[in-house]
Amino acid sequence: MFTTEHSYFLSVFYFNLLHSFRLFFVILQSFISRQAHNKPTFKKKILTGKETKMKGQ
């Protein structure tokens, strides 16, 4: 049915598509996790900073 060049092109095309989709999914996941954990970590950083300053004094 398919020639070797055509099957090679299809495999490369699907590999690139899968790779780009995986990259997009990783970026999306990291963005969502960053948005979800942005405010709590910021508050934790402020609290830990105040605690360390109080302990230092």
PDB file of N, CA and C in Angstrom:
ATOM      1  N   MET A   1       0.831  -1.201   0.000  1.00  0.00           N
ATOM      2  CA  MET A   1       0.000   0.000   0.000  1.00  0.00           C
ATOM      3  C   MET A   1       0.873   1.261   0.000  1.00  0.00           C
ATOM      4  N   PHE A   2       1.662   1.421   1.042  1.00  0.00           N
ATOM      5  CA  PHE A   2       2.477   2.627   1.164  1.00  0.00           C
ATOM      6  C   PHE A   2       3.906   2.363   0.715  1.00  0.00           C
ATOM      7  N   THR A   3       4.520   3.384   0.162  1.00  0.00           N
ATOM      8  CA  THR A   3       5.939   3.269  -0.146  1.00  0.00           C
ATOM      9  C   THR A   3       6.743   3.524   1.122  1.00  0.00           C
ATOM     10  N   THR A   4       8.016   3.193   1.101  1.00  0.00           N
ATOM     11  CA  THR A   4       8.841   3.370   2.298  1.00  0.00           C
ATOM     12  C   THR A   4       8.982   4.852   2.645  1.00  0.00           C
ATOM     13  N   GLU A   5       9.101   5.693   1.626  1.00  0.00           N
ATOM     14  CA  GLU A   5       9.233   7.128   1.882  1.00  0.00           C
ATOM     15  C   GLU A   5       7.965   7.680   2.519  1.00  0.00           C
ATOM     16  N   HIS A   6       6.817   7.228   2.026  1.00  0.00           N
ATOM     17  CA  HIS A   6       5.550   7.725   2.538  1.00  0.00           C
ATOM     18  C   HIS A   6       5.348   7.287   3.988  1.00  0.00           C
ATOM     19  N   SER A   7       5.658   6.047   4.297  1.00  0.00           N
ATOM     20  CA  SER A   7       5.512   5.562   5.674  1.00  0.00           C
ATOM     21  C   SER A   7       6.491   6.294   6.594  1.00  0.00           C
ATOM     22  N   TYR A   8       7.704   6.551   6.082  1.00  0.00           N
ATOM     23  CA  TYR A   8       8.683   7.298   6.874  1.00  0.00           C
ATOM     24  C   TYR A   8       8.175   8.713   7.158  1.00  0.00           C
ATOM     25  N   PHE A   9       7.613   9.357   6.137  1.00  0.00           N
ATOM     26  CA  PHE A   9       7.068  10.696   6.314  1.00  0.00           C
ATOM     27  C   PHE A   9       5.939  10.701   7.341  1.00  0.00           C
ATOM     28  N   LEU A  10       5.051   9.695   7.244  1.00  0.00           N
ATOM     29  CA  LEU A  10       3.946   9.601   8.195  1.00  0.00           C
ATOM     30  C   LEU A  10       4.458   9.390   9.617  1.00  0.00           C
ATOM     31  N   SER A  11       5.452   8.518   9.777  1.00  0.00           N
ATOM     32  CA  SER A  11       5.986   8.260  11.125  1.00  0.00           C
ATOM     33  C   SER A  11       6.629   9.512  11.694  1.00  0.00           C
ATOM     34  N   VAL A  12       7.382  10.227  10.862  1.00  0.00           N
ATOM     35  CA  VAL A  12       8.014  11.468  11.335  1.00  0.00           C
ATOM     36  C   VAL A  12       6.955  12.502  11.684  1.00  0.00           C
ATOM     37  N   PHE A  13       5.936  12.592  10.829  1.00  0.00           N
ATOM     38  CA  PHE A  13       4.869  13.563  11.070  1.00  0.00           C
ATOM     39  C   PHE A  13       4.146  13.268  12.386  1.00  0.00           C
ATOM     40  N   TYR A  14       3.798  11.979  12.594  1.00  0.00           N
ATOM     41  CA  TYR A  14       3.101  11.626  13.829  1.00  0.00           C
ATOM     42  C   TYR A  14       4.006  11.793  15.043  1.00  0.00           C
ATOM     43  N   PHE A  15       5.298  11.517  14.882  1.00  0.00           N
ATOM     44  CA  PHE A  15       6.227  11.691  15.992  1.00  0.00           C
ATOM     45  C   PHE A  15       6.328  13.164  16.379  1.00  0.00           C
ATOM     46  N   ASN A  16       6.442  14.036  15.380  1.00  0.00           N
ATOM     47  CA  ASN A  16       6.505  15.469  15.657  1.00  0.00           C
ATOM     48  C   ASN A  16       5.213  15.967  16.291  1.00  0.00           C
ATOM     49  N   LEU A  17       4.083  15.460  15.795  1.00  0.00           N
ATOM     50  CA  LEU A  17       2.788  15.861  16.339  1.00  0.00           C
ATOM     51  C   LEU A  17       2.677  15.430  17.795  1.00  0.00           C
ATOM     52  N   LEU A  18       3.065  14.192  18.076  1.00  0.00           N
ATOM     53  CA  LEU A  18       3.009  13.678  19.441  1.00  0.00           C
ATOM     54  C   LEU A  18       3.953  14.459  20.349  1.00  0.00           C
ATOM     55  N   HIS A  19       5.151  14.759  19.847  1.00  0.00           N
ATOM     56  CA  HIS A  19       6.139  15.487  20.649  1.00  0.00           C
ATOM     57  C   HIS A  19       5.644  16.900  20.957  1.00  0.00           C
ATOM     58  N   SER A  20       5.095  17.573  19.958  1.00  0.00           N
ATOM     59  CA  SER A  20       4.596  18.931  20.180  1.00  0.00           C
ATOM     60  C   SER A  20       3.409  18.915  21.140  1.00  0.00           C
ATOM     61  N   PHE A  21       2.542  17.897  21.009  1.00  0.00           N
ATOM     62  CA  PHE A  21       1.397  17.800  21.908  1.00  0.00           C
ATOM     63  C   PHE A  21       1.852  17.536  23.337  1.00  0.00           C
ATOM     64  N   ARG A  22       2.866  16.672  23.485  1.00  0.00           N
ATOM     65  CA  ARG A  22       3.398  16.381  24.818  1.00  0.00           C
ATOM     66  C   ARG A  22       4.026  17.639  25.413  1.00  0.00           C
ATOM     67  N   LEU A  23       4.780  18.384  24.592  1.00  0.00           N
ATOM     68  CA  LEU A  23       5.404  19.618  25.066  1.00  0.00           C
ATOM     69  C   LEU A  23       4.341  20.628  25.492  1.00  0.00           C
ATOM     70  N   PHE A  24       3.290  20.762  24.679  1.00  0.00           N
ATOM     71  CA  PHE A  24       2.198  21.671  25.008  1.00  0.00           C
ATOM     72  C   PHE A  24       1.516  21.248  26.299  1.00  0.00           C
ATOM     73  N   PHE A  25       1.335  19.927  26.478  1.00  0.00           N
ATOM     74  CA  PHE A  25       0.680  19.424  27.686  1.00  0.00           C
ATOM     75  C   PHE A  25       1.542  19.697  28.915  1.00  0.00           C
ATOM     76  N   VAL A  26       2.846  19.522  28.782  1.00  0.00           N
ATOM     77  CA  VAL A  26       3.753  19.779  29.911  1.00  0.00           C
ATOM     78  C   VAL A  26       3.732  21.262  30.274  1.00  0.00           C
ATOM     79  N   ILE A  27       3.765  22.131  29.255  1.00  0.00           N
ATOM     80  CA  ILE A  27       3.726  23.575  29.510  1.00  0.00           C
ATOM     81  C   ILE A  27       2.405  23.954  30.166  1.00  0.00           C
ATOM     82  N   LEU A  28       1.303  23.400  29.660  1.00  0.00           N
ATOM     83  CA  LEU A  28      -0.017  23.694  30.225  1.00  0.00           C
ATOM     84  C   LEU A  28      -0.103  23.215  31.671  1.00  0.00           C
ATOM     85  N   GLN A  29       0.417  22.011  31.928  1.00  0.00           N
ATOM     86  CA  GLN A  29       0.364  21.456  33.279  1.00  0.00           C
ATOM     87  C   GLN A  29       1.191  22.305  34.239  1.00  0.00           C
ATOM     88  N   SER A  30       2.386  22.708  33.811  1.00  0.00           N
ATOM     89  CA  SER A  30       3.232  23.532  34.673  1.00  0.00           C
ATOM     90  C   SER A  30       2.581  24.894  34.919  1.00  0.00           C
ATOM     91  N   PHE A  31       1.920  25.455  33.886  1.00  0.00           N
ATOM     92  CA  PHE A  31       1.242  26.737  34.046  1.00  0.00           C
ATOM     93  C   PHE A  31       0.093  26.619  35.039  1.00  0.00           C
ATOM     94  N   ILE A  32      -0.697  25.539  34.920  1.00  0.00           N
ATOM     95  CA  ILE A  32      -1.829  25.336  35.839  1.00  0.00           C
ATOM     96  C   ILE A  32      -1.332  25.136  37.260  1.00  0.00           C
ATOM     97  N   SER A  33      -0.293  24.331  37.431  1.00  0.00           N
ATOM     98  CA  SER A  33       0.229  24.080  38.774  1.00  0.00           C
ATOM     99  C   SER A  33       0.815  25.371  39.354  1.00  0.00           C
ATOM    100  N   ARG A  34       1.469  26.178  38.508  1.00  0.00           N
ATOM    101  CA  ARG A  34       2.031  27.439  38.980  1.00  0.00           C
ATOM    102  C   ARG A  34       0.922  28.390  39.404  1.00  0.00           C
ATOM    103  N   GLN A  35      -0.153  28.460  38.608  1.00  0.00           N
ATOM    104  CA  GLN A  35      -1.278  29.327  38.956  1.00  0.00           C
ATOM    105  C   GLN A  35      -1.950  28.850  40.240  1.00  0.00           C
ATOM    106  N   ALA A  36      -2.053  27.519  40.409  1.00  0.00           N
ATOM    107  CA  ALA A  36      -2.733  26.973  41.588  1.00  0.00           C
ATOM    108  C   ALA A  36      -1.899  27.173  42.846  1.00  0.00           C
ATOM    109  N   HIS A  37      -0.568  27.070  42.700  1.00  0.00           N
ATOM    110  CA  HIS A  37       0.297  27.140  43.876  1.00  0.00           C
ATOM    111  C   HIS A  37       0.988  28.499  43.992  1.00  0.00           C
ATOM    112  N   ASN A  38       0.577  29.466  43.200  1.00  0.00           N
ATOM    113  CA  ASN A  38       1.284  30.748  43.206  1.00  0.00           C
ATOM    114  C   ASN A  38       1.031  31.496  44.512  1.00  0.00           C
ATOM    115  N   LYS A  39      -0.226  31.707  44.853  1.00  0.00           N
ATOM    116  CA  LYS A  39      -0.553  32.493  46.046  1.00  0.00           C
ATOM    117  C   LYS A  39      -0.158  31.792  47.352  1.00  0.00           C
ATOM    118  N   PRO A  40      -0.449  30.501  47.526  1.00  0.00           N
ATOM    119  CA  PRO A  40      -0.056  29.837  48.775  1.00  0.00           C
ATOM    120  C   PRO A  40       1.447  29.861  49.007  1.00  0.00           C
ATOM    121  N   THR A  41       2.240  29.621  47.982  1.00  0.00           N
ATOM    122  CA  THR A  41       3.689  29.628  48.169  1.00  0.00           C
ATOM    123  C   THR A  41       4.160  31.048  48.484  1.00  0.00           C
ATOM    124  N   PHE A  42       3.527  32.049  47.874  1.00  0.00           N
ATOM    125  CA  PHE A  42       3.900  33.429  48.172  1.00  0.00           C
ATOM    126  C   PHE A  42       3.617  33.743  49.637  1.00  0.00           C
ATOM    127  N   LYS A  43       2.444  33.347  50.130  1.00  0.00           N
ATOM    128  CA  LYS A  43       2.113  33.556  51.539  1.00  0.00           C
ATOM    129  C   LYS A  43       3.065  32.776  52.441  1.00  0.00           C
ATOM    130  N   LYS A  44       3.382  31.537  52.051  1.00  0.00           N
ATOM    131  CA  LYS A  44       4.314  30.735  52.838  1.00  0.00           C
ATOM    132  C   LYS A  44       5.677  31.400  52.884  1.00  0.00           C
ATOM    133  N   LYS A  45       6.130  31.953  51.765  1.00  0.00           N
ATOM    134  CA  LYS A  45       7.428  32.626  51.737  1.00  0.00           C
ATOM    135  C   LYS A  45       7.409  33.823  52.681  1.00  0.00           C
ATOM    136  N   ILE A  46       6.338  34.602  52.668  1.00  0.00           N
ATOM    137  CA  ILE A  46       6.242  35.764  53.553  1.00  0.00           C
ATOM    138  C   ILE A  46       6.239  35.305  55.008  1.00  0.00           C
ATOM    139  N   LEU A  47       5.444  34.265  55.315  1.00  0.00           N
ATOM    140  CA  LEU A  47       5.369  33.774  56.691  1.00  0.00           C
ATOM    141  C   LEU A  47       6.716  33.240  57.150  1.00  0.00           C
ATOM    142  N   THR A  48       7.375  32.455  56.324  1.00  0.00           N
ATOM    143  CA  THR A  48       8.665  31.894  56.716  1.00  0.00           C
ATOM    144  C   THR A  48       9.692  33.012  56.859  1.00  0.00           C
ATOM    145  N   GLY A  49       9.610  34.032  56.002  1.00  0.00           N
ATOM    146  CA  GLY A  49      10.529  35.155  56.115  1.00  0.00           C
ATOM    147  C   GLY A  49      10.336  35.890  57.437  1.00  0.00           C
ATOM    148  N   LYS A  50       9.064  36.136  57.831  1.00  0.00           N
ATOM    149  CA  LYS A  50       8.788  36.801  59.111  1.00  0.00           C
ATOM    150  C   LYS A  50       9.256  35.926  60.271  1.00  0.00           C
ATOM    151  N   GLU A  51       9.000  34.615  60.175  1.00  0.00           N
ATOM    152  CA  GLU A  51       9.405  33.714  61.248  1.00  0.00           C
ATOM    153  C   GLU A  51      10.919  33.712  61.406  1.00  0.00           C
ATOM    154  N   THR A  52      11.635  33.675  60.295  1.00  0.00           N
ATOM    155  CA  THR A  52      13.097  33.655  60.384  1.00  0.00           C
ATOM    156  C   THR A  52      13.613  34.985  60.926  1.00  0.00           C
ATOM    157  N   LYS A  53      12.979  36.084  60.548  1.00  0.00           N
ATOM    158  CA  LYS A  53      13.400  37.378  61.078  1.00  0.00           C
ATOM    159  C   LYS A  53      13.156  37.443  62.586  1.00  0.00           C
ATOM    160  N   MET A  54      12.001  36.961  63.043  1.00  0.00           N
ATOM    161  CA  MET A  54      11.708  36.960  64.471  1.00  0.00           C
ATOM    162  C   MET A  54      12.690  36.061  65.222  1.00  0.00           C
ATOM    163  N   LYS A  55      12.976  34.897  64.656  1.00  0.00           N
ATOM    164  CA  LYS A  55      13.928  33.986  65.297  1.00  0.00           C
ATOM    165  C   LYS A  55      15.316  34.613  65.325  1.00  0.00           C
ATOM    166  N   GLY A  56      15.654  35.355  64.269  1.00  0.00           N
ATOM    167  CA  GLY A  56      16.968  35.994  64.228  1.00  0.00           C
ATOM    168  C   GLY A  56      17.079  37.073  65.287  1.00  0.00           C
ATOM    169  N   GLN A  57      16.019  37.833  65.491  1.00  0.00           N
ATOM    170  CA  GLN A  57      16.046  38.884  66.503  1.00  0.00           C
ATOM    171  C   GLN A  57      15.952  38.264  67.897  1.00  0.00           C
TER     172      GLN A  57
END
